Amino acid sequence: MTRNKVEICGVDTAKLPVLKNEEMRKLFREMQSGEISAREKLVNGNLRLVLSVIQRFNNRGEYVDDLFQVGCIGLMKSIDNFDLGQNVKFSTYAVPMIIGEIRRYLRDNNPIRVSRSLRDIAYKA
């Protein structure tokens, strides 16, 4: 089986690690006890999650590199705010935060600004 090599922001996506659920829980515990390298491992281990999310936004006319970087910001925010006590898989928690960060970026970088009230009226019509 050949792996497709795609390089986004200098990251070779074919070589990205994938963390199992138990590894992730262990790294979250280490991060909460002050281990800085655990956060970096969590970020690197979940970059494929960001890649899968940004595929939803491919046809928006934005550079994939930009969407990937914004998605990584959402990933880091979700890592910082994730609570192990909630009994939820990390991906379930992270995906909406990554999507929200990308949508915020797309909304704020749109050359035409439409007020929220006007948008609400348009959706009702």
PDB file of N, CA and C in Angstrom:
ATOM      1  N   MET A   1       0.845  -1.176   0.000  1.00  0.00           N
ATOM      2  CA  MET A   1       0.000   0.000   0.000  1.00  0.00           C
ATOM      3  C   MET A   1       0.888   1.237   0.000  1.00  0.00           C
ATOM      4  N   THR A   2       0.715   2.122  -0.952  1.00  0.00           N
ATOM      5  CA  THR A   2       1.503   3.343  -0.999  1.00  0.00           C
ATOM      6  C   THR A   2       0.802   4.434  -0.222  1.00  0.00           C
ATOM      7  N   ARG A   3       1.614   5.264   0.395  1.00  0.00           N
ATOM      8  CA  ARG A   3       1.055   6.373   1.148  1.00  0.00           C
ATOM      9  C   ARG A   3       1.156   7.630   0.304  1.00  0.00           C
ATOM     10  N   ASN A   4       0.106   8.399   0.266  1.00  0.00           N
ATOM     11  CA  ASN A   4       0.135   9.659  -0.456  1.00  0.00           C
ATOM     12  C   ASN A   4       0.864  10.697   0.382  1.00  0.00           C
ATOM     13  N   LYS A   5       1.847  11.308  -0.226  1.00  0.00           N
ATOM     14  CA  LYS A   5       2.605  12.335   0.492  1.00  0.00           C
ATOM     15  C   LYS A   5       2.051  13.690   0.114  1.00  0.00           C
ATOM     16  N   VAL A   6       1.569  14.389   1.089  1.00  0.00           N
ATOM     17  CA  VAL A   6       1.102  15.754   0.917  1.00  0.00           C
ATOM     18  C   VAL A   6       1.852  16.584   1.937  1.00  0.00           C
ATOM     19  N   GLU A   7       2.407  17.693   1.486  1.00  0.00           N
ATOM     20  CA  GLU A   7       3.140  18.537   2.416  1.00  0.00           C
ATOM     21  C   GLU A   7       2.358  19.829   2.618  1.00  0.00           C
ATOM     22  N   ILE A   8       1.934  20.051   3.838  1.00  0.00           N
ATOM     23  CA  ILE A   8       1.190  21.249   4.199  1.00  0.00           C
ATOM     24  C   ILE A   8       1.986  21.958   5.279  1.00  0.00           C
ATOM     25  N   CYS A   9       2.280  23.216   5.035  1.00  0.00           N
ATOM     26  CA  CYS A   9       3.042  24.026   6.002  1.00  0.00           C
ATOM     27  C   CYS A   9       4.344  23.333   6.398  1.00  0.00           C
ATOM     28  N   GLY A  10       4.965  22.635   5.475  1.00  0.00           N
ATOM     29  CA  GLY A  10       6.221  21.962   5.778  1.00  0.00           C
ATOM     30  C   GLY A  10       6.067  20.666   6.549  1.00  0.00           C
ATOM     31  N   VAL A  11       4.833  20.194   6.726  1.00  0.00           N
ATOM     32  CA  VAL A  11       4.568  18.960   7.466  1.00  0.00           C
ATOM     33  C   VAL A  11       4.269  17.855   6.466  1.00  0.00           C
ATOM     34  N   ASP A  12       5.044  16.781   6.510  1.00  0.00           N
ATOM     35  CA  ASP A  12       4.804  15.624   5.652  1.00  0.00           C
ATOM     36  C   ASP A  12       3.671  14.810   6.281  1.00  0.00           C
ATOM     37  N   THR A  13       2.507  14.888   5.677  1.00  0.00           N
ATOM     38  CA  THR A  13       1.322  14.271   6.274  1.00  0.00           C
ATOM     39  C   THR A  13       1.387  12.751   6.285  1.00  0.00           C
ATOM     40  N   ALA A  14       2.222  12.160   5.442  1.00  0.00           N
ATOM     41  CA  ALA A  14       2.328  10.700   5.418  1.00  0.00           C
ATOM     42  C   ALA A  14       3.042  10.169   6.655  1.00  0.00           C
ATOM     43  N   LYS A  15       3.819  11.019   7.308  1.00  0.00           N
ATOM     44  CA  LYS A  15       4.606  10.576   8.461  1.00  0.00           C
ATOM     45  C   LYS A  15       4.022  11.016   9.804  1.00  0.00           C
ATOM     46  N   LEU A  16       2.811  11.542   9.787  1.00  0.00           N
ATOM     47  CA  LEU A  16       2.206  11.998  11.034  1.00  0.00           C
ATOM     48  C   LEU A  16       1.826  10.809  11.912  1.00  0.00           C
ATOM     49  N   PRO A  17       2.148  10.868  13.194  1.00  0.00           N
ATOM     50  CA  PRO A  17       1.765   9.771  14.086  1.00  0.00           C
ATOM     51  C   PRO A  17       0.274   9.821  14.407  1.00  0.00           C
ATOM     52  N   VAL A  18      -0.262   8.684  14.777  1.00  0.00           N
ATOM     53  CA  VAL A  18      -1.659   8.601  15.213  1.00  0.00           C
ATOM     54  C   VAL A  18      -1.648   8.050  16.631  1.00  0.00           C
ATOM     55  N   LEU A  19      -2.267   8.779  17.543  1.00  0.00           N
ATOM     56  CA  LEU A  19      -2.300   8.356  18.942  1.00  0.00           C
ATOM     57  C   LEU A  19      -3.539   7.513  19.210  1.00  0.00           C
ATOM     58  N   LYS A  20      -3.367   6.467  19.991  1.00  0.00           N
ATOM     59  CA  LYS A  20      -4.507   5.678  20.433  1.00  0.00           C
ATOM     60  C   LYS A  20      -5.128   6.383  21.642  1.00  0.00           C
ATOM     61  N   ASN A  21      -6.343   5.985  21.969  1.00  0.00           N
ATOM     62  CA  ASN A  21      -7.081   6.640  23.042  1.00  0.00           C
ATOM     63  C   ASN A  21      -6.339   6.561  24.380  1.00  0.00           C
ATOM     64  N   GLU A  22      -5.774   5.420  24.685  1.00  0.00           N
ATOM     65  CA  GLU A  22      -5.054   5.256  25.960  1.00  0.00           C
ATOM     66  C   GLU A  22      -3.805   6.124  26.004  1.00  0.00           C
ATOM     67  N   GLU A  23      -3.090   6.206  24.886  1.00  0.00           N
ATOM     68  CA  GLU A  23      -1.907   7.065  24.827  1.00  0.00           C
ATOM     69  C   GLU A  23      -2.295   8.521  25.053  1.00  0.00           C
ATOM     70  N   MET A  24      -3.415   8.909  24.444  1.00  0.00           N
ATOM     71  CA  MET A  24      -3.874  10.281  24.578  1.00  0.00           C
ATOM     72  C   MET A  24      -4.224  10.609  26.023  1.00  0.00           C
ATOM     73  N   ARG A  25      -4.925   9.705  26.690  1.00  0.00           N
ATOM     74  CA  ARG A  25      -5.307   9.940  28.083  1.00  0.00           C
ATOM     75  C   ARG A  25      -4.064  10.081  28.960  1.00  0.00           C
ATOM     76  N   LYS A  26      -3.063   9.243  28.701  1.00  0.00           N
ATOM     77  CA  LYS A  26      -1.809   9.305  29.454  1.00  0.00           C
ATOM     78  C   LYS A  26      -1.115  10.654  29.232  1.00  0.00           C
ATOM     79  N   LEU A  27      -1.080  11.100  27.983  1.00  0.00           N
ATOM     80  CA  LEU A  27      -0.445  12.379  27.676  1.00  0.00           C
ATOM     81  C   LEU A  27      -1.202  13.551  28.295  1.00  0.00           C
ATOM     82  N   PHE A  28      -2.533  13.463  28.348  1.00  0.00           N
ATOM     83  CA  PHE A  28      -3.314  14.529  28.990  1.00  0.00           C
ATOM     84  C   PHE A  28      -3.004  14.590  30.487  1.00  0.00           C
ATOM     85  N   ARG A  29      -2.878  13.429  31.117  1.00  0.00           N
ATOM     86  CA  ARG A  29      -2.521  13.415  32.534  1.00  0.00           C
ATOM     87  C   ARG A  29      -1.145  14.032  32.751  1.00  0.00           C
ATOM     88  N   GLU A  30      -0.192  13.671  31.882  1.00  0.00           N
ATOM     89  CA  GLU A  30       1.154  14.238  31.986  1.00  0.00           C
ATOM     90  C   GLU A  30       1.131  15.749  31.775  1.00  0.00           C
ATOM     91  N   MET A  31       0.340  16.207  30.810  1.00  0.00           N
ATOM     92  CA  MET A  31       0.247  17.636  30.528  1.00  0.00           C
ATOM     93  C   MET A  31      -0.333  18.396  31.718  1.00  0.00           C
ATOM     94  N   GLN A  32      -1.350  17.814  32.351  1.00  0.00           N
ATOM     95  CA  GLN A  32      -1.973  18.462  33.492  1.00  0.00           C
ATOM     96  C   GLN A  32      -1.045  18.519  34.693  1.00  0.00           C
ATOM     97  N   SER A  33      -0.067  17.606  34.743  1.00  0.00           N
ATOM     98  CA  SER A  33       0.891  17.635  35.847  1.00  0.00           C
ATOM     99  C   SER A  33       2.110  18.492  35.506  1.00  0.00           C
ATOM    100  N   GLY A  34       2.062  19.194  34.361  1.00  0.00           N
ATOM    101  CA  GLY A  34       3.102  20.160  34.049  1.00  0.00           C
ATOM    102  C   GLY A  34       4.120  19.738  33.006  1.00  0.00           C
ATOM    103  N   GLU A  35       3.947  18.589  32.397  1.00  0.00           N
ATOM    104  CA  GLU A  35       4.889  18.104  31.384  1.00  0.00           C
ATOM    105  C   GLU A  35       4.634  18.843  30.063  1.00  0.00           C
ATOM    106  N   ILE A  36       5.567  19.699  29.662  1.00  0.00           N
ATOM    107  CA  ILE A  36       5.387  20.517  28.461  1.00  0.00           C
ATOM    108  C   ILE A  36       5.475  19.680  27.189  1.00  0.00           C
ATOM    109  N   SER A  37       6.351  18.691  27.170  1.00  0.00           N
ATOM    110  CA  SER A  37       6.511  17.872  25.957  1.00  0.00           C
ATOM    111  C   SER A  37       5.260  17.045  25.658  1.00  0.00           C
ATOM    112  N   ALA A  38       4.432  16.782  26.660  1.00  0.00           N
ATOM    113  CA  ALA A  38       3.200  16.016  26.442  1.00  0.00           C
ATOM    114  C   ALA A  38       2.241  16.793  25.545  1.00  0.00           C
ATOM    115  N   ARG A  39       2.182  18.109  25.725  1.00  0.00           N
ATOM    116  CA  ARG A  39       1.303  18.944  24.894  1.00  0.00           C
ATOM    117  C   ARG A  39       1.752  18.893  23.434  1.00  0.00           C
ATOM    118  N   GLU A  40       3.061  18.968  23.229  1.00  0.00           N
ATOM    119  CA  GLU A  40       3.594  18.905  21.876  1.00  0.00           C
ATOM    120  C   GLU A  40       3.278  17.558  21.221  1.00  0.00           C
ATOM    121  N   LYS A  41       3.383  16.482  21.982  1.00  0.00           N
ATOM    122  CA  LYS A  41       3.053  15.157  21.455  1.00  0.00           C
ATOM    123  C   LYS A  41       1.568  15.062  21.118  1.00  0.00           C
ATOM    124  N   LEU A  42       0.729  15.674  21.949  1.00  0.00           N
ATOM    125  CA  LEU A  42      -0.707  15.676  21.675  1.00  0.00           C
ATOM    126  C   LEU A  42      -1.019  16.439  20.389  1.00  0.00           C
ATOM    127  N   VAL A  43      -0.365  17.581  20.214  1.00  0.00           N
ATOM    128  CA  VAL A  43      -0.592  18.362  18.993  1.00  0.00           C
ATOM    129  C   VAL A  43      -0.150  17.560  17.774  1.00  0.00           C
ATOM    130  N   ASN A  44       1.067  17.022  17.818  1.00  0.00           N
ATOM    131  CA  ASN A  44       1.587  16.258  16.678  1.00  0.00           C
ATOM    132  C   ASN A  44       0.768  14.996  16.407  1.00  0.00           C
ATOM    133  N   GLY A  45       0.242  14.390  17.444  1.00  0.00           N
ATOM    134  CA  GLY A  45      -0.537  13.171  17.289  1.00  0.00           C
ATOM    135  C   GLY A  45      -1.943  13.393  16.785  1.00  0.00           C
ATOM    136  N   ASN A  46      -2.382  14.650  16.739  1.00  0.00           N
ATOM    137  CA  ASN A  46      -3.744  14.940  16.290  1.00  0.00           C
ATOM    138  C   ASN A  46      -3.793  15.822  15.050  1.00  0.00           C
ATOM    139  N   LEU A  47      -2.659  15.994  14.375  1.00  0.00           N
ATOM    140  CA  LEU A  47      -2.647  16.819  13.165  1.00  0.00           C
ATOM    141  C   LEU A  47      -3.474  16.200  12.044  1.00  0.00           C
ATOM    142  N   ARG A  48      -3.572  14.880  12.025  1.00  0.00           N
ATOM    143  CA  ARG A  48      -4.420  14.237  11.005  1.00  0.00           C
ATOM    144  C   ARG A  48      -5.899  14.570  11.226  1.00  0.00           C
ATOM    145  N   LEU A  49      -6.263  14.797  12.465  1.00  0.00           N
ATOM    146  CA  LEU A  49      -7.630  15.214  12.760  1.00  0.00           C
ATOM    147  C   LEU A  49      -7.911  16.564  12.107  1.00  0.00           C
ATOM    148  N   VAL A  50      -6.946  17.468  12.201  1.00  0.00           N
ATOM    149  CA  VAL A  50      -7.080  18.782  11.555  1.00  0.00           C
ATOM    150  C   VAL A  50      -7.186  18.607  10.043  1.00  0.00           C
ATOM    151  N   LEU A  51      -6.360  17.733   9.493  1.00  0.00           N
ATOM    152  CA  LEU A  51      -6.410  17.486   8.044  1.00  0.00           C
ATOM    153  C   LEU A  51      -7.778  16.978   7.600  1.00  0.00           C
ATOM    154  N   SER A  52      -8.368  16.092   8.397  1.00  0.00           N
ATOM    155  CA  SER A  52      -9.679  15.564   8.016  1.00  0.00           C
ATOM    156  C   SER A  52     -10.757  16.638   8.102  1.00  0.00           C
ATOM    157  N   VAL A  53     -10.611  17.562   9.046  1.00  0.00           N
ATOM    158  CA  VAL A  53     -11.611  18.629   9.190  1.00  0.00           C
ATOM    159  C   VAL A  53     -11.489  19.647   8.062  1.00  0.00           C
ATOM    160  N   ILE A  54     -10.269  20.013   7.678  1.00  0.00           N
ATOM    161  CA  ILE A  54     -10.128  21.059   6.655  1.00  0.00           C
ATOM    162  C   ILE A  54     -10.575  20.595   5.274  1.00  0.00           C
ATOM    163  N   GLN A  55     -10.731  19.286   5.090  1.00  0.00           N
ATOM    164  CA  GLN A  55     -11.237  18.806   3.797  1.00  0.00           C
ATOM    165  C   GLN A  55     -12.667  19.285   3.541  1.00  0.00           C
ATOM    166  N   ARG A  56     -13.396  19.578   4.598  1.00  0.00           N
ATOM    167  CA  ARG A  56     -14.766  20.089   4.444  1.00  0.00           C
ATOM    168  C   ARG A  56     -14.781  21.497   3.857  1.00  0.00           C
ATOM    169  N   PHE A  57     -13.661  22.209   3.968  1.00  0.00           N
ATOM    170  CA  PHE A  57     -13.605  23.609   3.570  1.00  0.00           C
ATOM    171  C   PHE A  57     -12.736  23.822   2.335  1.00  0.00           C
ATOM    172  N   ASN A  58     -12.477  22.774   1.560  1.00  0.00           N
ATOM    173  CA  ASN A  58     -11.571  22.857   0.407  1.00  0.00           C
ATOM    174  C   ASN A  58     -12.058  23.798  -0.685  1.00  0.00           C
ATOM    175  N   ASN A  59     -13.333  23.874  -0.939  1.00  0.00           N
ATOM    176  CA  ASN A  59     -13.856  24.635  -2.077  1.00  0.00           C
ATOM    177  C   ASN A  59     -14.248  26.060  -1.709  1.00  0.00           C
ATOM    178  N   ARG A  60     -13.569  26.641  -0.744  1.00  0.00           N
ATOM    179  CA  ARG A  60     -13.900  28.004  -0.314  1.00  0.00           C
ATOM    180  C   ARG A  60     -12.970  29.054  -0.904  1.00  0.00           C
ATOM    181  N   GLY A  61     -12.007  28.638  -1.715  1.00  0.00           N
ATOM    182  CA  GLY A  61     -11.093  29.591  -2.320  1.00  0.00           C
ATOM    183  C   GLY A  61      -9.967  30.027  -1.395  1.00  0.00           C
ATOM    184  N   GLU A  62      -9.797  29.343  -0.288  1.00  0.00           N
ATOM    185  CA  GLU A  62      -8.722  29.668   0.660  1.00  0.00           C
ATOM    186  C   GLU A  62      -7.575  28.687   0.460  1.00  0.00           C
ATOM    187  N   TYR A  63      -6.383  29.128   0.814  1.00  0.00           N
ATOM    188  CA  TYR A  63      -5.226  28.236   0.739  1.00  0.00           C
ATOM    189  C   TYR A  63      -5.336  27.167   1.819  1.00  0.00           C
ATOM    190  N   VAL A  64      -4.990  25.948   1.433  1.00  0.00           N
ATOM    191  CA  VAL A  64      -5.052  24.822   2.370  1.00  0.00           C
ATOM    192  C   VAL A  64      -4.098  25.059   3.539  1.00  0.00           C
ATOM    193  N   ASP A  65      -2.944  25.662   3.257  1.00  0.00           N
ATOM    194  CA  ASP A  65      -1.983  25.954   4.326  1.00  0.00           C
ATOM    195  C   ASP A  65      -2.592  26.867   5.383  1.00  0.00           C
ATOM    196  N   ASP A  66      -3.330  27.890   4.943  1.00  0.00           N
ATOM    197  CA  ASP A  66      -3.962  28.812   5.884  1.00  0.00           C
ATOM    198  C   ASP A  66      -5.010  28.100   6.730  1.00  0.00           C
ATOM    199  N   LEU A  67      -5.831  27.280   6.083  1.00  0.00           N
ATOM    200  CA  LEU A  67      -6.859  26.541   6.820  1.00  0.00           C
ATOM    201  C   LEU A  67      -6.228  25.572   7.808  1.00  0.00           C
ATOM    202  N   PHE A  68      -5.119  24.944   7.406  1.00  0.00           N
ATOM    203  CA  PHE A  68      -4.422  24.019   8.287  1.00  0.00           C
ATOM    204  C   PHE A  68      -3.889  24.749   9.523  1.00  0.00           C
ATOM    205  N   GLN A  69      -3.307  25.914   9.324  1.00  0.00           N
ATOM    206  CA  GLN A  69      -2.774  26.679  10.454  1.00  0.00           C
ATOM    207  C   GLN A  69      -3.886  27.118  11.401  1.00  0.00           C
ATOM    208  N   VAL A  70      -4.990  27.574  10.840  1.00  0.00           N
ATOM    209  CA  VAL A  70      -6.117  27.991  11.678  1.00  0.00           C
ATOM    210  C   VAL A  70      -6.707  26.785  12.406  1.00  0.00           C
ATOM    211  N   GLY A  71      -6.782  25.654  11.712  1.00  0.00           N
ATOM    212  CA  GLY A  71      -7.251  24.423  12.346  1.00  0.00           C
ATOM    213  C   GLY A  71      -6.344  24.007  13.491  1.00  0.00           C
ATOM    214  N   CYS A  72      -5.048  24.209  13.339  1.00  0.00           N
ATOM    215  CA  CYS A  72      -4.096  23.884  14.415  1.00  0.00           C
ATOM    216  C   CYS A  72      -4.313  24.779  15.633  1.00  0.00           C
ATOM    217  N   ILE A  73      -4.706  26.020  15.406  1.00  0.00           N
ATOM    218  CA  ILE A  73      -5.036  26.902  16.530  1.00  0.00           C
ATOM    219  C   ILE A  73      -6.229  26.329  17.288  1.00  0.00           C
ATOM    220  N   GLY A  74      -7.253  25.891  16.551  1.00  0.00           N
ATOM    221  CA  GLY A  74      -8.412  25.260  17.190  1.00  0.00           C
ATOM    222  C   GLY A  74      -8.030  23.991  17.924  1.00  0.00           C
ATOM    223  N   LEU A  75      -7.110  23.215  17.350  1.00  0.00           N
ATOM    224  CA  LEU A  75      -6.636  21.990  18.000  1.00  0.00           C
ATOM    225  C   LEU A  75      -5.940  22.325  19.314  1.00  0.00           C
ATOM    226  N   MET A  76      -5.075  23.321  19.301  1.00  0.00           N
ATOM    227  CA  MET A  76      -4.356  23.688  20.526  1.00  0.00           C
ATOM    228  C   MET A  76      -5.299  24.220  21.598  1.00  0.00           C
ATOM    229  N   LYS A  77      -6.314  24.984  21.183  1.00  0.00           N
ATOM    230  CA  LYS A  77      -7.309  25.459  22.152  1.00  0.00           C
ATOM    231  C   LYS A  77      -8.075  24.286  22.761  1.00  0.00           C
ATOM    232  N   SER A  78      -8.415  23.303  21.928  1.00  0.00           N
ATOM    233  CA  SER A  78      -9.160  22.152  22.444  1.00  0.00           C
ATOM    234  C   SER A  78      -8.284  21.302  23.362  1.00  0.00           C
ATOM    235  N   ILE A  79      -6.981  21.202  23.071  1.00  0.00           N
ATOM    236  CA  ILE A  79      -6.072  20.464  23.955  1.00  0.00           C
ATOM    237  C   ILE A  79      -5.979  21.168  25.304  1.00  0.00           C
ATOM    238  N   ASP A  80      -5.881  22.486  25.278  1.00  0.00           N
ATOM    239  CA  ASP A  80      -5.760  23.248  26.526  1.00  0.00           C
ATOM    240  C   ASP A  80      -7.025  23.192  27.376  1.00  0.00           C
ATOM    241  N   ASN A  81      -8.183  23.057  26.731  1.00  0.00           N
ATOM    242  CA  ASN A  81      -9.450  23.110  27.467  1.00  0.00           C
ATOM    243  C   ASN A  81     -10.092  21.754  27.720  1.00  0.00           C
ATOM    244  N   PHE A  82      -9.505  20.671  27.210  1.00  0.00           N
ATOM    245  CA  PHE A  82     -10.114  19.350  27.334  1.00  0.00           C
ATOM    246  C   PHE A  82     -10.093  18.880  28.785  1.00  0.00           C
ATOM    247  N   ASP A  83     -11.208  18.283  29.206  1.00  0.00           N
ATOM    248  CA  ASP A  83     -11.343  17.778  30.571  1.00  0.00           C
ATOM    249  C   ASP A  83     -11.496  16.254  30.520  1.00  0.00           C
ATOM    250  N   LEU A  84     -10.529  15.560  31.092  1.00  0.00           N
ATOM    251  CA  LEU A  84     -10.566  14.092  31.099  1.00  0.00           C
ATOM    252  C   LEU A  84     -11.752  13.545  31.887  1.00  0.00           C
ATOM    253  N   GLY A  85     -12.237  14.296  32.844  1.00  0.00           N
ATOM    254  CA  GLY A  85     -13.321  13.836  33.699  1.00  0.00           C
ATOM    255  C   GLY A  85     -14.668  13.758  33.014  1.00  0.00           C
ATOM    256  N   GLN A  86     -14.787  14.273  31.810  1.00  0.00           N
ATOM    257  CA  GLN A  86     -16.078  14.305  31.115  1.00  0.00           C
ATOM    258  C   GLN A  86     -16.413  13.016  30.377  1.00  0.00           C
ATOM    259  N   ASN A  87     -15.503  12.042  30.339  1.00  0.00           N
ATOM    260  CA  ASN A  87     -15.750  10.751  29.686  1.00  0.00           C
ATOM    261  C   ASN A  87     -16.177  10.898  28.229  1.00  0.00           C
ATOM    262  N   VAL A  88     -15.462  11.752  27.498  1.00  0.00           N
ATOM    263  CA  VAL A  88     -15.722  12.000  26.090  1.00  0.00           C
ATOM    264  C   VAL A  88     -14.419  11.791  25.338  1.00  0.00           C
ATOM    265  N   LYS A  89     -14.496  11.209  24.146  1.00  0.00           N
ATOM    266  CA  LYS A  89     -13.293  11.066  23.335  1.00  0.00           C
ATOM    267  C   LYS A  89     -12.803  12.455  22.937  1.00  0.00           C
ATOM    268  N   PHE A  90     -11.491  12.584  22.845  1.00  0.00           N
ATOM    269  CA  PHE A  90     -10.923  13.883  22.516  1.00  0.00           C
ATOM    270  C   PHE A  90     -11.382  14.375  21.154  1.00  0.00           C
ATOM    271  N   SER A  91     -11.452  13.489  20.175  1.00  0.00           N
ATOM    272  CA  SER A  91     -11.856  13.914  18.832  1.00  0.00           C
ATOM    273  C   SER A  91     -13.283  14.475  18.827  1.00  0.00           C
ATOM    274  N   THR A  92     -14.155  13.916  19.646  1.00  0.00           N
ATOM    275  CA  THR A  92     -15.524  14.414  19.752  1.00  0.00           C
ATOM    276  C   THR A  92     -15.541  15.841  20.269  1.00  0.00           C
ATOM    277  N   TYR A  93     -14.622  16.145  21.163  1.00  0.00           N
ATOM    278  CA  TYR A  93     -14.521  17.486  21.722  1.00  0.00           C
ATOM    279  C   TYR A  93     -13.794  18.434  20.768  1.00  0.00           C
ATOM    280  N   ALA A  94     -12.752  17.950  20.100  1.00  0.00           N
ATOM    281  CA  ALA A  94     -11.877  18.820  19.319  1.00  0.00           C
ATOM    282  C   ALA A  94     -12.472  19.241  17.981  1.00  0.00           C
ATOM    283  N   VAL A  95     -13.178  18.353  17.311  1.00  0.00           N
ATOM    284  CA  VAL A  95     -13.668  18.657  15.966  1.00  0.00           C
ATOM    285  C   VAL A  95     -14.549  19.914  15.935  1.00  0.00           C
ATOM    286  N   PRO A  96     -15.538  20.076  16.819  1.00  0.00           N
ATOM    287  CA  PRO A  96     -16.323  21.319  16.776  1.00  0.00           C
ATOM    288  C   PRO A  96     -15.486  22.575  17.043  1.00  0.00           C
ATOM    289  N   MET A  97     -14.463  22.454  17.890  1.00  0.00           N
ATOM    290  CA  MET A  97     -13.616  23.627  18.153  1.00  0.00           C
ATOM    291  C   MET A  97     -12.764  23.973  16.934  1.00  0.00           C
ATOM    292  N   ILE A  98     -12.275  22.965  16.243  1.00  0.00           N
ATOM    293  CA  ILE A  98     -11.485  23.200  15.030  1.00  0.00           C
ATOM    294  C   ILE A  98     -12.370  23.817  13.946  1.00  0.00           C
ATOM    295  N   ILE A  99     -13.571  23.268  13.779  1.00  0.00           N
ATOM    296  CA  ILE A  99     -14.513  23.806  12.797  1.00  0.00           C
ATOM    297  C   ILE A  99     -14.871  25.247  13.140  1.00  0.00           C
ATOM    298  N   GLY A 100     -15.115  25.522  14.401  1.00  0.00           N
ATOM    299  CA  GLY A 100     -15.459  26.879  14.825  1.00  0.00           C
ATOM    300  C   GLY A 100     -14.345  27.869  14.543  1.00  0.00           C
ATOM    301  N   GLU A 101     -13.117  27.463  14.774  1.00  0.00           N
ATOM    302  CA  GLU A 101     -11.975  28.345  14.517  1.00  0.00           C
ATOM    303  C   GLU A 101     -11.847  28.631  13.019  1.00  0.00           C
ATOM    304  N   ILE A 102     -12.052  27.611  12.190  1.00  0.00           N
ATOM    305  CA  ILE A 102     -11.971  27.798  10.737  1.00  0.00           C
ATOM    306  C   ILE A 102     -13.116  28.684  10.259  1.00  0.00           C
ATOM    307  N   ARG A 103     -14.315  28.462  10.758  1.00  0.00           N
ATOM    308  CA  ARG A 103     -15.463  29.300  10.354  1.00  0.00           C
ATOM    309  C   ARG A 103     -15.250  30.753  10.762  1.00  0.00           C
ATOM    310  N   ARG A 104     -14.702  30.969  11.943  1.00  0.00           N
ATOM    311  CA  ARG A 104     -14.411  32.327  12.400  1.00  0.00           C
ATOM    312  C   ARG A 104     -13.404  32.998  11.461  1.00  0.00           C
ATOM    313  N   TYR A 105     -12.387  32.237  11.070  1.00  0.00           N
ATOM    314  CA  TYR A 105     -11.388  32.762  10.146  1.00  0.00           C
ATOM    315  C   TYR A 105     -12.028  33.130   8.808  1.00  0.00           C
ATOM    316  N   LEU A 106     -12.857  32.227   8.269  1.00  0.00           N
ATOM    317  CA  LEU A 106     -13.505  32.485   6.989  1.00  0.00           C
ATOM    318  C   LEU A 106     -14.450  33.680   7.076  1.00  0.00           C
ATOM    319  N   ARG A 107     -15.157  33.793   8.171  1.00  0.00           N
ATOM    320  CA  ARG A 107     -16.091  34.908   8.356  1.00  0.00           C
ATOM    321  C   ARG A 107     -15.344  36.235   8.471  1.00  0.00           C
ATOM    322  N   ASP A 108     -14.274  36.246   9.255  1.00  0.00           N
ATOM    323  CA  ASP A 108     -13.551  37.495   9.492  1.00  0.00           C
ATOM    324  C   ASP A 108     -12.719  37.934   8.299  1.00  0.00           C
ATOM    325  N   ASN A 109     -12.321  37.001   7.430  1.00  0.00           N
ATOM    326  CA  ASN A 109     -11.510  37.346   6.266  1.00  0.00           C
ATOM    327  C   ASN A 109     -12.323  37.518   4.993  1.00  0.00           C
ATOM    328  N   ASN A 110     -13.631  37.488   5.109  1.00  0.00           N
ATOM    329  CA  ASN A 110     -14.499  37.691   3.960  1.00  0.00           C
ATOM    330  C   ASN A 110     -14.484  39.174   3.604  1.00  0.00           C
ATOM    331  N   PRO A 111     -14.243  39.515   2.349  1.00  0.00           N
ATOM    332  CA  PRO A 111     -14.179  40.936   1.984  1.00  0.00           C
ATOM    333  C   PRO A 111     -15.525  41.661   2.132  1.00  0.00           C
ATOM    334  N   ILE A 112     -16.612  40.909   2.100  1.00  0.00           N
ATOM    335  CA  ILE A 112     -17.935  41.518   2.256  1.00  0.00           C
ATOM    336  C   ILE A 112     -18.458  41.166   3.636  1.00  0.00           C
ATOM    337  N   ARG A 113     -18.712  42.172   4.445  1.00  0.00           N
ATOM    338  CA  ARG A 113     -19.228  41.955   5.797  1.00  0.00           C
ATOM    339  C   ARG A 113     -20.753  42.076   5.783  1.00  0.00           C
ATOM    340  N   VAL A 114     -21.400  41.055   6.290  1.00  0.00           N
ATOM    341  CA  VAL A 114     -22.857  41.063   6.400  1.00  0.00           C
ATOM    342  C   VAL A 114     -23.189  40.968   7.879  1.00  0.00           C
ATOM    343  N   SER A 115     -24.011  41.891   8.357  1.00  0.00           N
ATOM    344  CA  SER A 115     -24.339  41.887   9.781  1.00  0.00           C
ATOM    345  C   SER A 115     -25.102  40.623  10.144  1.00  0.00           C
ATOM    346  N   ARG A 116     -24.996  40.251  11.390  1.00  0.00           N
ATOM    347  CA  ARG A 116     -25.643  39.013  11.848  1.00  0.00           C
ATOM    348  C   ARG A 116     -27.164  39.112  11.715  1.00  0.00           C
ATOM    349  N   SER A 117     -27.747  40.271  12.020  1.00  0.00           N
ATOM    350  CA  SER A 117     -29.205  40.416  11.929  1.00  0.00           C
ATOM    351  C   SER A 117     -29.680  40.276  10.481  1.00  0.00           C
ATOM    352  N   LEU A 118     -28.915  40.824   9.548  1.00  0.00           N
ATOM    353  CA  LEU A 118     -29.271  40.699   8.136  1.00  0.00           C
ATOM    354  C   LEU A 118     -29.142  39.250   7.667  1.00  0.00           C
ATOM    355  N   ARG A 119     -28.129  38.567   8.165  1.00  0.00           N
ATOM    356  CA  ARG A 119     -27.941  37.157   7.823  1.00  0.00           C
ATOM    357  C   ARG A 119     -29.089  36.319   8.381  1.00  0.00           C
ATOM    358  N   ASP A 120     -29.524  36.618   9.603  1.00  0.00           N
ATOM    359  CA  ASP A 120     -30.647  35.897  10.202  1.00  0.00           C
ATOM    360  C   ASP A 120     -31.928  36.095   9.392  1.00  0.00           C
ATOM    361  N   ILE A 121     -32.139  37.304   8.909  1.00  0.00           N
ATOM    362  CA  ILE A 121     -33.323  37.588   8.087  1.00  0.00           C
ATOM    363  C   ILE A 121     -33.258  36.786   6.783  1.00  0.00           C
ATOM    364  N   ALA A 122     -32.087  36.726   6.194  1.00  0.00           N
ATOM    365  CA  ALA A 122     -31.921  35.985   4.934  1.00  0.00           C
ATOM    366  C   ALA A 122     -32.181  34.501   5.133  1.00  0.00           C
ATOM    367  N   TYR A 123     -31.758  33.958   6.280  1.00  0.00           N
ATOM    368  CA  TYR A 123     -31.982  32.530   6.530  1.00  0.00           C
ATOM    369  C   TYR A 123     -33.453  32.225   6.769  1.00  0.00           C
ATOM    370  N   LYS A 124     -34.207  33.180   7.327  1.00  0.00           N
ATOM    371  CA  LYS A 124     -35.625  32.957   7.584  1.00  0.00           C
ATOM    372  C   LYS A 124     -36.441  32.991   6.296  1.00  0.00           C
ATOM    373  N   ALA A 125     -35.971  33.744   5.325  1.00  0.00           N
ATOM    374  CA  ALA A 125     -36.730  33.926   4.074  1.00  0.00           C
ATOM    375  C   ALA A 125     -36.753  32.682   3.232  1.00  0.00           C
TER     376      ALA A 125
END
